Amino acid sequence: MGSETKPLTTMDQTNYVSDWEFYFGNVNNMLGSIAVDLGLAKIAPVAEQPHVVWVSINMLDPRPDGLSSMQETVVLQQIEDDLEAALEEKHKAIYVGRSTSNGHRKVYFYLADTTAYEETIASVMQEYAGYTYDFGTKEDRGWNGYFTFLFPEPEQYQSIRNRKVVDSLEEHGDDLTKARDIHHWVFFKTAESREAYAASIEKEGFTVVARDYDKALGSYPYRLHIKHTDKVDWTSIDKTVLHLWRLAQKHNGDYDGWETAAKTN
């Protein structure tokens, strides 16, 4: 249900709210940890920041799996904060994310102006004796590095969304082990695809609450509202939602999300 991504200007960023999340993935065929500001997806690409800059820091004491230790994470975080502050002040930089893998912490920024950016990086890194680093830049007006490398794959993104809902319920005192009605919404391009999906999940014990058509929904105007009864602990809900998400993909549909009422003790 997406639309063409067009570059935005600073004036278009009034609705931006940072939304930092992390997840584990494959980085150059090795275990990697990626942190990314998901909130930027709502405004990217930003026309005034067309240059991507990366700084790759060689860790001094990485874990055997190539990720950062608890002790070194504190120092790496301070380096990131200092790089962000300096690049933002001198180059109007936006810090978009980082990857950690194979003993390296790589941080990514989008800059308005790269003039003497290497001097700005050097001025920060000279304060951290013992740390060696590499850096580079290229033009990336479409922010492809952000969208294709840092941003999670669709299934990973759905899991992150699931976790955020579960975290919110838990913060409000929800007893996640209590079964309750859980509602889901799925959208389709055709009525035939919707009905095939509905027939499949009804066999699995889901109940169709409503189905309708709304041309304002664009390419996916056929809506399906379903529910089932289950717990909402992380393992249970993520397994169910990813199953519904994958099934929607099979039927050329778009799984939109789920909600439920909180159950407190």
C-alpha atoms as a PDB file:
ATOM      1  CA  MET A   1       0.000   0.000   0.000  1.00  0.00           C
ATOM      2  CA  GLY A   2       3.044   2.252  -0.424  1.00  0.00           C
ATOM      3  CA  SER A   3       3.641   5.011  -2.937  1.00  0.00           C
ATOM      4  CA  GLU A   4       6.600   6.390  -4.849  1.00  0.00           C
ATOM      5  CA  THR A   5       9.277   7.831  -2.562  1.00  0.00           C
ATOM      6  CA  LYS A   6      10.147  11.428  -3.412  1.00  0.00           C
ATOM      7  CA  PRO A   7      12.905  13.589  -1.896  1.00  0.00           C
ATOM      8  CA  LEU A   8      11.632  15.837   0.874  1.00  0.00           C
ATOM      9  CA  THR A   9      12.968  19.162   2.030  1.00  0.00           C
ATOM     10  CA  THR A  10      13.514  20.430   5.553  1.00  0.00           C
ATOM     11  CA  MET A  11      10.085  22.080   5.417  1.00  0.00           C
ATOM     12  CA  ASP A  12       8.476  18.654   4.955  1.00  0.00           C
ATOM     13  CA  GLN A  13       9.933  17.181   8.139  1.00  0.00           C
ATOM     14  CA  THR A  14       7.417  18.537  10.651  1.00  0.00           C
ATOM     15  CA  ASN A  15       5.972  15.074  11.318  1.00  0.00           C
ATOM     16  CA  TYR A  16       9.324  13.375  11.939  1.00  0.00           C
ATOM     17  CA  VAL A  17       9.680  11.501  15.245  1.00  0.00           C
ATOM     18  CA  SER A  18      12.812   9.429  15.863  1.00  0.00           C
ATOM     19  CA  ASP A  19      12.177   5.726  16.326  1.00  0.00           C
ATOM     20  CA  TRP A  20      15.382   3.821  17.023  1.00  0.00           C
ATOM     21  CA  GLU A  21      15.250   0.025  16.913  1.00  0.00           C
ATOM     22  CA  PHE A  22      17.807  -2.746  16.617  1.00  0.00           C
ATOM     23  CA  TYR A  23      17.796  -6.213  15.145  1.00  0.00           C
ATOM     24  CA  PHE A  24      20.214  -8.997  14.255  1.00  0.00           C
ATOM     25  CA  GLY A  25      20.937  -9.859  10.653  1.00  0.00           C
ATOM     26  CA  ASN A  26      23.484 -10.982   8.110  1.00  0.00           C
ATOM     27  CA  VAL A  27      26.266  -8.503   7.332  1.00  0.00           C
ATOM     28  CA  ASN A  28      28.632  -9.733   4.626  1.00  0.00           C
ATOM     29  CA  ASN A  29      27.737 -13.338   5.509  1.00  0.00           C
ATOM     30  CA  MET A  30      28.511 -12.816   9.187  1.00  0.00           C
ATOM     31  CA  LEU A  31      26.414 -12.186  12.291  1.00  0.00           C
ATOM     32  CA  GLY A  32      25.579  -8.525  12.557  1.00  0.00           C
ATOM     33  CA  SER A  33      23.693  -6.167  14.833  1.00  0.00           C
ATOM     34  CA  ILE A  34      21.979  -3.222  13.161  1.00  0.00           C
ATOM     35  CA  ALA A  35      20.482  -0.159  14.821  1.00  0.00           C
ATOM     36  CA  VAL A  36      18.428   2.196  12.674  1.00  0.00           C
ATOM     37  CA  ASP A  37      16.141   5.187  13.052  1.00  0.00           C
ATOM     38  CA  LEU A  38      12.919   3.800  11.564  1.00  0.00           C
ATOM     39  CA  GLY A  39      11.248   7.175  11.929  1.00  0.00           C
ATOM     40  CA  LEU A  40      13.315   8.573   9.076  1.00  0.00           C
ATOM     41  CA  ALA A  41      11.507   6.300   6.604  1.00  0.00           C
ATOM     42  CA  LYS A  42       8.542   8.691   6.807  1.00  0.00           C
ATOM     43  CA  ILE A  43      10.565  11.629   5.483  1.00  0.00           C
ATOM     44  CA  ALA A  44      13.442  10.081   3.509  1.00  0.00           C
ATOM     45  CA  PRO A  45      15.058  10.797   1.188  1.00  0.00           C
ATOM     46  CA  VAL A  46      15.796  14.333   2.360  1.00  0.00           C
ATOM     47  CA  ALA A  47      16.835  16.560  -0.540  1.00  0.00           C
ATOM     48  CA  GLU A  48      19.213  18.723   1.519  1.00  0.00           C
ATOM     49  CA  GLN A  49      21.238  15.719   2.713  1.00  0.00           C
ATOM     50  CA  PRO A  50      22.217  13.829  -0.483  1.00  0.00           C
ATOM     51  CA  HIS A  51      25.653  12.544   0.616  1.00  0.00           C
ATOM     52  CA  VAL A  52      26.063   9.387   2.662  1.00  0.00           C
ATOM     53  CA  VAL A  53      29.123   9.253   4.920  1.00  0.00           C
ATOM     54  CA  TRP A  54      30.286   6.213   6.841  1.00  0.00           C
ATOM     55  CA  VAL A  55      32.898   5.799   9.545  1.00  0.00           C
ATOM     56  CA  SER A  56      34.133   2.263  10.254  1.00  0.00           C
ATOM     57  CA  ILE A  57      35.732   1.885  13.681  1.00  0.00           C
ATOM     58  CA  ASN A  58      37.956  -1.093  14.480  1.00  0.00           C
ATOM     59  CA  MET A  59      36.967  -2.401  17.909  1.00  0.00           C
ATOM     60  CA  LEU A  60      39.737  -3.074  20.405  1.00  0.00           C
ATOM     61  CA  ASP A  61      38.134  -6.027  22.167  1.00  0.00           C
ATOM     62  CA  PRO A  62      35.261  -7.537  20.183  1.00  0.00           C
ATOM     63  CA  ARG A  63      33.412 -10.624  21.345  1.00  0.00           C
ATOM     64  CA  PRO A  64      34.295 -13.962  19.703  1.00  0.00           C
ATOM     65  CA  ASP A  65      31.236 -13.587  17.455  1.00  0.00           C
ATOM     66  CA  GLY A  66      32.475 -10.205  16.211  1.00  0.00           C
ATOM     67  CA  LEU A  67      29.945  -8.068  18.096  1.00  0.00           C
ATOM     68  CA  SER A  68      30.845  -5.507  20.764  1.00  0.00           C
ATOM     69  CA  SER A  69      31.360  -6.384  24.410  1.00  0.00           C
ATOM     70  CA  MET A  70      29.336  -4.662  27.128  1.00  0.00           C
ATOM     71  CA  GLN A  71      32.417  -2.749  28.272  1.00  0.00           C
ATOM     72  CA  GLU A  72      33.449  -1.488  24.838  1.00  0.00           C
ATOM     73  CA  THR A  73      29.870  -0.621  23.876  1.00  0.00           C
ATOM     74  CA  VAL A  74      30.019   2.308  26.307  1.00  0.00           C
ATOM     75  CA  VAL A  75      33.060   3.785  24.542  1.00  0.00           C
ATOM     76  CA  LEU A  76      31.676   3.122  21.072  1.00  0.00           C
ATOM     77  CA  GLN A  77      28.454   4.882  22.010  1.00  0.00           C
ATOM     78  CA  GLN A  78      30.405   7.934  23.140  1.00  0.00           C
ATOM     79  CA  ILE A  79      32.326   7.988  19.855  1.00  0.00           C
ATOM     80  CA  GLU A  80      29.042   7.833  17.949  1.00  0.00           C
ATOM     81  CA  ASP A  81      27.576  10.671  20.014  1.00  0.00           C
ATOM     82  CA  ASP A  82      30.648  12.841  19.417  1.00  0.00           C
ATOM     83  CA  LEU A  83      30.661  12.112  15.668  1.00  0.00           C
ATOM     84  CA  GLU A  84      26.973  12.911  15.441  1.00  0.00           C
ATOM     85  CA  ALA A  85      27.366  16.220  17.274  1.00  0.00           C
ATOM     86  CA  ALA A  86      30.375  17.345  15.218  1.00  0.00           C
ATOM     87  CA  LEU A  87      28.980  16.317  11.833  1.00  0.00           C
ATOM     88  CA  GLU A  88      25.590  17.828  12.594  1.00  0.00           C
ATOM     89  CA  GLU A  89      27.116  21.144  13.626  1.00  0.00           C
ATOM     90  CA  LYS A  90      29.525  21.496  10.702  1.00  0.00           C
ATOM     91  CA  HIS A  91      27.821  19.588   7.888  1.00  0.00           C
ATOM     92  CA  LYS A  92      24.096  19.472   8.758  1.00  0.00           C
ATOM     93  CA  ALA A  93      24.338  15.710   9.151  1.00  0.00           C
ATOM     94  CA  ILE A  94      21.528  13.291   9.972  1.00  0.00           C
ATOM     95  CA  TYR A  95      22.600  10.190  11.893  1.00  0.00           C
ATOM     96  CA  VAL A  96      20.640   7.284  10.401  1.00  0.00           C
ATOM     97  CA  GLY A  97      22.070   4.074  11.857  1.00  0.00           C
ATOM     98  CA  ARG A  98      24.949   1.733  12.521  1.00  0.00           C
ATOM     99  CA  SER A  99      26.049  -1.844  11.959  1.00  0.00           C
ATOM    100  CA  THR A 100      28.276  -3.988  14.165  1.00  0.00           C
ATOM    101  CA  SER A 101      29.945  -7.074  12.714  1.00  0.00           C
ATOM    102  CA  ASN A 102      33.302  -8.832  12.401  1.00  0.00           C
ATOM    103  CA  GLY A 103      34.964  -6.558  14.961  1.00  0.00           C
ATOM    104  CA  HIS A 104      33.852  -3.305  13.314  1.00  0.00           C
ATOM    105  CA  ARG A 105      31.337  -0.628  14.289  1.00  0.00           C
ATOM    106  CA  LYS A 106      30.200   1.274  11.207  1.00  0.00           C
ATOM    107  CA  VAL A 107      28.129   4.434  11.610  1.00  0.00           C
ATOM    108  CA  TYR A 108      26.181   6.158   8.837  1.00  0.00           C
ATOM    109  CA  PHE A 109      25.208   9.771   8.262  1.00  0.00           C
ATOM    110  CA  TYR A 110      23.619  11.797   5.470  1.00  0.00           C
ATOM    111  CA  LEU A 111      25.262  15.201   4.964  1.00  0.00           C
ATOM    112  CA  ALA A 112      24.350  18.429   3.260  1.00  0.00           C
ATOM    113  CA  ASP A 113      27.973  19.419   2.642  1.00  0.00           C
ATOM    114  CA  THR A 114      31.014  17.123   2.650  1.00  0.00           C
ATOM    115  CA  THR A 115      33.627  19.878   2.391  1.00  0.00           C
ATOM    116  CA  ALA A 116      36.463  18.956   4.799  1.00  0.00           C
ATOM    117  CA  TYR A 117      34.263  16.291   6.400  1.00  0.00           C
ATOM    118  CA  GLU A 118      37.341  14.096   6.896  1.00  0.00           C
ATOM    119  CA  GLU A 119      38.843  16.794   9.122  1.00  0.00           C
ATOM    120  CA  THR A 120      35.708  16.818  11.246  1.00  0.00           C
ATOM    121  CA  ILE A 121      35.913  13.033  11.673  1.00  0.00           C
ATOM    122  CA  ALA A 122      39.637  13.212  12.503  1.00  0.00           C
ATOM    123  CA  SER A 123      39.030  15.900  15.138  1.00  0.00           C
ATOM    124  CA  VAL A 124      36.681  13.523  16.961  1.00  0.00           C
ATOM    125  CA  MET A 125      38.701  10.339  16.570  1.00  0.00           C
ATOM    126  CA  GLN A 126      41.925  11.914  17.843  1.00  0.00           C
ATOM    127  CA  GLU A 127      40.288  12.003  21.266  1.00  0.00           C
ATOM    128  CA  TYR A 128      40.083   8.192  21.302  1.00  0.00           C
ATOM    129  CA  ALA A 129      43.653   6.947  21.382  1.00  0.00           C
ATOM    130  CA  GLY A 130      44.129   3.396  20.151  1.00  0.00           C
ATOM    131  CA  TYR A 131      41.086   3.332  17.888  1.00  0.00           C
ATOM    132  CA  THR A 132      41.802   3.064  14.177  1.00  0.00           C
ATOM    133  CA  TYR A 133      39.140   3.811  11.618  1.00  0.00           C
ATOM    134  CA  ASP A 134      38.264   4.132   7.961  1.00  0.00           C
ATOM    135  CA  PHE A 135      35.724   6.412   6.297  1.00  0.00           C
ATOM    136  CA  GLY A 136      34.177   7.298   2.978  1.00  0.00           C
ATOM    137  CA  THR A 137      31.389   9.126   1.198  1.00  0.00           C
ATOM    138  CA  LYS A 138      29.335   9.010  -1.972  1.00  0.00           C
ATOM    139  CA  GLU A 139      26.294  10.700  -3.416  1.00  0.00           C
ATOM    140  CA  ASP A 140      23.077   8.870  -2.516  1.00  0.00           C
ATOM    141  CA  ARG A 141      20.147  11.146  -3.288  1.00  0.00           C
ATOM    142  CA  GLY A 142      17.655   8.320  -2.950  1.00  0.00           C
ATOM    143  CA  TRP A 143      19.037   7.240   0.439  1.00  0.00           C
ATOM    144  CA  ASN A 144      19.441   3.728  -0.959  1.00  0.00           C
ATOM    145  CA  GLY A 145      21.977   2.839   1.720  1.00  0.00           C
ATOM    146  CA  TYR A 146      19.409   3.590   4.397  1.00  0.00           C
ATOM    147  CA  PHE A 147      16.557   1.718   2.723  1.00  0.00           C
ATOM    148  CA  THR A 148      18.431  -1.293   1.320  1.00  0.00           C
ATOM    149  CA  PHE A 149      21.038  -1.970   4.015  1.00  0.00           C
ATOM    150  CA  LEU A 150      20.050  -0.471   7.361  1.00  0.00           C
ATOM    151  CA  PHE A 151      16.280  -0.737   7.148  1.00  0.00           C
ATOM    152  CA  PRO A 152      14.993  -4.206   8.091  1.00  0.00           C
ATOM    153  CA  GLU A 153      13.536  -6.621   5.571  1.00  0.00           C
ATOM    154  CA  PRO A 154       9.703  -6.645   5.536  1.00  0.00           C
ATOM    155  CA  GLU A 155       9.390  -9.754   7.724  1.00  0.00           C
ATOM    156  CA  GLN A 156      11.941  -8.422  10.211  1.00  0.00           C
ATOM    157  CA  TYR A 157      10.089  -5.120  10.261  1.00  0.00           C
ATOM    158  CA  GLN A 158       6.831  -6.905  11.087  1.00  0.00           C
ATOM    159  CA  SER A 159       8.537  -8.675  14.013  1.00  0.00           C
ATOM    160  CA  ILE A 160       9.791  -5.323  15.277  1.00  0.00           C
ATOM    161  CA  ARG A 161       6.240  -3.936  15.074  1.00  0.00           C
ATOM    162  CA  ASN A 162       4.978  -6.972  17.007  1.00  0.00           C
ATOM    163  CA  ARG A 163       7.554  -6.435  19.718  1.00  0.00           C
ATOM    164  CA  LYS A 164       6.629  -2.771  20.060  1.00  0.00           C
ATOM    165  CA  VAL A 165       2.951  -3.642  20.630  1.00  0.00           C
ATOM    166  CA  VAL A 166       3.862  -6.328  23.188  1.00  0.00           C
ATOM    167  CA  ASP A 167       6.213  -3.904  24.967  1.00  0.00           C
ATOM    168  CA  SER A 168       3.444  -1.306  25.111  1.00  0.00           C
ATOM    169  CA  LEU A 169       0.990  -3.814  26.584  1.00  0.00           C
ATOM    170  CA  GLU A 170       3.547  -4.905  29.166  1.00  0.00           C
ATOM    171  CA  GLU A 171       4.275  -1.298  30.140  1.00  0.00           C
ATOM    172  CA  HIS A 172       0.557  -0.915  30.902  1.00  0.00           C
ATOM    173  CA  GLY A 173       0.560  -3.907  33.234  1.00  0.00           C
ATOM    174  CA  ASP A 174      -0.823  -6.465  30.808  1.00  0.00           C
ATOM    175  CA  ASP A 175      -0.694 -10.140  31.817  1.00  0.00           C
ATOM    176  CA  LEU A 176       0.577 -11.423  28.478  1.00  0.00           C
ATOM    177  CA  THR A 177      -0.256 -15.029  29.389  1.00  0.00           C
ATOM    178  CA  LYS A 178      -4.013 -14.336  29.515  1.00  0.00           C
ATOM    179  CA  ALA A 179      -5.871 -15.421  26.383  1.00  0.00           C
ATOM    180  CA  ARG A 180      -8.050 -12.790  24.719  1.00  0.00           C
ATOM    181  CA  ASP A 181      -9.477 -11.788  21.335  1.00  0.00           C
ATOM    182  CA  ILE A 182      -6.792 -10.532  18.974  1.00  0.00           C
ATOM    183  CA  HIS A 183      -7.913  -8.608  15.883  1.00  0.00           C
ATOM    184  CA  HIS A 184      -6.021  -8.472  12.577  1.00  0.00           C
ATOM    185  CA  TRP A 185      -6.502  -6.505   9.341  1.00  0.00           C
ATOM    186  CA  VAL A 186      -5.367  -7.637   5.907  1.00  0.00           C
ATOM    187  CA  PHE A 187      -5.820  -5.829   2.573  1.00  0.00           C
ATOM    188  CA  PHE A 188      -6.007  -7.279  -0.927  1.00  0.00           C
ATOM    189  CA  LYS A 189      -5.957  -6.186  -4.554  1.00  0.00           C
ATOM    190  CA  THR A 190      -8.883  -8.385  -5.546  1.00  0.00           C
ATOM    191  CA  ALA A 191     -11.957  -9.888  -3.913  1.00  0.00           C
ATOM    192  CA  GLU A 192     -10.858 -13.314  -5.134  1.00  0.00           C
ATOM    193  CA  SER A 193      -7.540 -13.080  -3.272  1.00  0.00           C
ATOM    194  CA  ARG A 194      -9.327 -11.948  -0.123  1.00  0.00           C
ATOM    195  CA  GLU A 195     -11.777 -14.838  -0.241  1.00  0.00           C
ATOM    196  CA  ALA A 196      -9.026 -17.387  -0.838  1.00  0.00           C
ATOM    197  CA  TYR A 197      -7.157 -16.019   2.186  1.00  0.00           C
ATOM    198  CA  ALA A 198     -10.308 -16.018   4.329  1.00  0.00           C
ATOM    199  CA  ALA A 199     -11.108 -19.617   3.414  1.00  0.00           C
ATOM    200  CA  SER A 200      -7.592 -20.672   4.363  1.00  0.00           C
ATOM    201  CA  ILE A 201      -7.456 -19.027   7.788  1.00  0.00           C
ATOM    202  CA  GLU A 202     -11.000 -20.046   8.716  1.00  0.00           C
ATOM    203  CA  LYS A 203      -9.822 -23.649   8.470  1.00  0.00           C
ATOM    204  CA  GLU A 204      -7.195 -22.753  11.080  1.00  0.00           C
ATOM    205  CA  GLY A 205      -9.741 -21.438  13.579  1.00  0.00           C
ATOM    206  CA  PHE A 206      -9.744 -17.729  12.758  1.00  0.00           C
ATOM    207  CA  THR A 207     -13.063 -15.891  12.577  1.00  0.00           C
ATOM    208  CA  VAL A 208     -13.937 -13.375   9.889  1.00  0.00           C
ATOM    209  CA  VAL A 209     -15.306 -10.268  11.620  1.00  0.00           C
ATOM    210  CA  ALA A 210     -15.906  -8.130   8.537  1.00  0.00           C
ATOM    211  CA  ARG A 211     -15.003  -7.727   4.882  1.00  0.00           C
ATOM    212  CA  ASP A 212     -15.529  -4.582   2.840  1.00  0.00           C
ATOM    213  CA  TYR A 213     -14.391  -2.529  -0.142  1.00  0.00           C
ATOM    214  CA  ASP A 214     -13.023   1.018  -0.005  1.00  0.00           C
ATOM    215  CA  LYS A 215     -11.601   2.556  -3.172  1.00  0.00           C
ATOM    216  CA  ALA A 216      -9.856   5.190  -1.032  1.00  0.00           C
ATOM    217  CA  LEU A 217      -7.428   2.437   0.021  1.00  0.00           C
ATOM    218  CA  GLY A 218      -5.772   2.585  -3.388  1.00  0.00           C
ATOM    219  CA  SER A 219      -4.174  -0.571  -4.770  1.00  0.00           C
ATOM    220  CA  TYR A 220      -5.467  -2.728  -1.902  1.00  0.00           C
ATOM    221  CA  PRO A 221      -9.156  -1.777  -1.597  1.00  0.00           C
ATOM    222  CA  TYR A 222     -10.482  -5.136  -0.349  1.00  0.00           C
ATOM    223  CA  ARG A 223     -10.278  -5.204   3.447  1.00  0.00           C
ATOM    224  CA  LEU A 224     -10.541  -8.250   5.694  1.00  0.00           C
ATOM    225  CA  HIS A 225     -10.951  -8.040   9.479  1.00  0.00           C
ATOM    226  CA  ILE A 226     -10.314 -11.314  11.332  1.00  0.00           C
ATOM    227  CA  LYS A 227      -9.837 -12.378  14.923  1.00  0.00           C
ATOM    228  CA  HIS A 228      -8.703 -15.299  17.025  1.00  0.00           C
ATOM    229  CA  THR A 229      -8.223 -16.056  20.734  1.00  0.00           C
ATOM    230  CA  ASP A 230      -4.712 -16.507  22.091  1.00  0.00           C
ATOM    231  CA  LYS A 231      -2.042 -15.209  24.461  1.00  0.00           C
ATOM    232  CA  VAL A 232       0.062 -12.210  23.498  1.00  0.00           C
ATOM    233  CA  ASP A 233       3.425 -13.180  24.889  1.00  0.00           C
ATOM    234  CA  TRP A 234       6.182 -12.450  22.398  1.00  0.00           C
ATOM    235  CA  THR A 235       6.680 -16.022  21.194  1.00  0.00           C
ATOM    236  CA  SER A 236       2.973 -16.705  20.669  1.00  0.00           C
ATOM    237  CA  ILE A 237       1.967 -13.491  18.919  1.00  0.00           C
ATOM    238  CA  ASP A 238       5.044 -13.226  16.713  1.00  0.00           C
ATOM    239  CA  LYS A 239       4.556 -16.793  15.443  1.00  0.00           C
ATOM    240  CA  THR A 240       0.886 -16.130  14.651  1.00  0.00           C
ATOM    241  CA  VAL A 241       1.404 -12.751  13.012  1.00  0.00           C
ATOM    242  CA  LEU A 242       4.291 -13.893  10.833  1.00  0.00           C
ATOM    243  CA  HIS A 243       2.165 -16.805   9.670  1.00  0.00           C
ATOM    244  CA  LEU A 244      -0.652 -14.412   8.718  1.00  0.00           C
ATOM    245  CA  TRP A 245       1.860 -12.049   7.099  1.00  0.00           C
ATOM    246  CA  ARG A 246       3.414 -14.807   4.966  1.00  0.00           C
ATOM    247  CA  LEU A 247       0.008 -16.105   3.954  1.00  0.00           C
ATOM    248  CA  ALA A 248      -0.972 -12.583   2.913  1.00  0.00           C
ATOM    249  CA  GLN A 249       2.122 -12.415   0.712  1.00  0.00           C
ATOM    250  CA  LYS A 250       1.122 -15.708  -0.890  1.00  0.00           C
ATOM    251  CA  HIS A 251      -2.271 -14.234  -1.797  1.00  0.00           C
ATOM    252  CA  ASN A 252      -0.839 -10.885  -2.997  1.00  0.00           C
ATOM    253  CA  GLY A 253      -2.174  -9.207   0.122  1.00  0.00           C
ATOM    254  CA  ASP A 254      -0.833  -6.718   2.650  1.00  0.00           C
ATOM    255  CA  TYR A 255      -1.009  -7.625   6.354  1.00  0.00           C
ATOM    256  CA  ASP A 256      -1.606  -4.314   8.116  1.00  0.00           C
ATOM    257  CA  GLY A 257      -1.379  -5.102  11.832  1.00  0.00           C
ATOM    258  CA  TRP A 258      -3.100  -6.311  14.985  1.00  0.00           C
ATOM    259  CA  GLU A 259      -4.577  -4.987  18.210  1.00  0.00           C
ATOM    260  CA  THR A 260      -6.116  -6.295  21.402  1.00  0.00           C
ATOM    261  CA  ALA A 261      -7.520  -5.134  24.721  1.00  0.00           C
ATOM    262  CA  ALA A 262      -5.167  -5.115  27.693  1.00  0.00           C
ATOM    263  CA  LYS A 263      -5.665  -7.802  30.337  1.00  0.00           C
ATOM    264  CA  THR A 264      -4.313  -6.807  33.742  1.00  0.00           C
ATOM    265  CA  ASN A 265      -4.135  -8.833  36.955  1.00  0.00           C
END
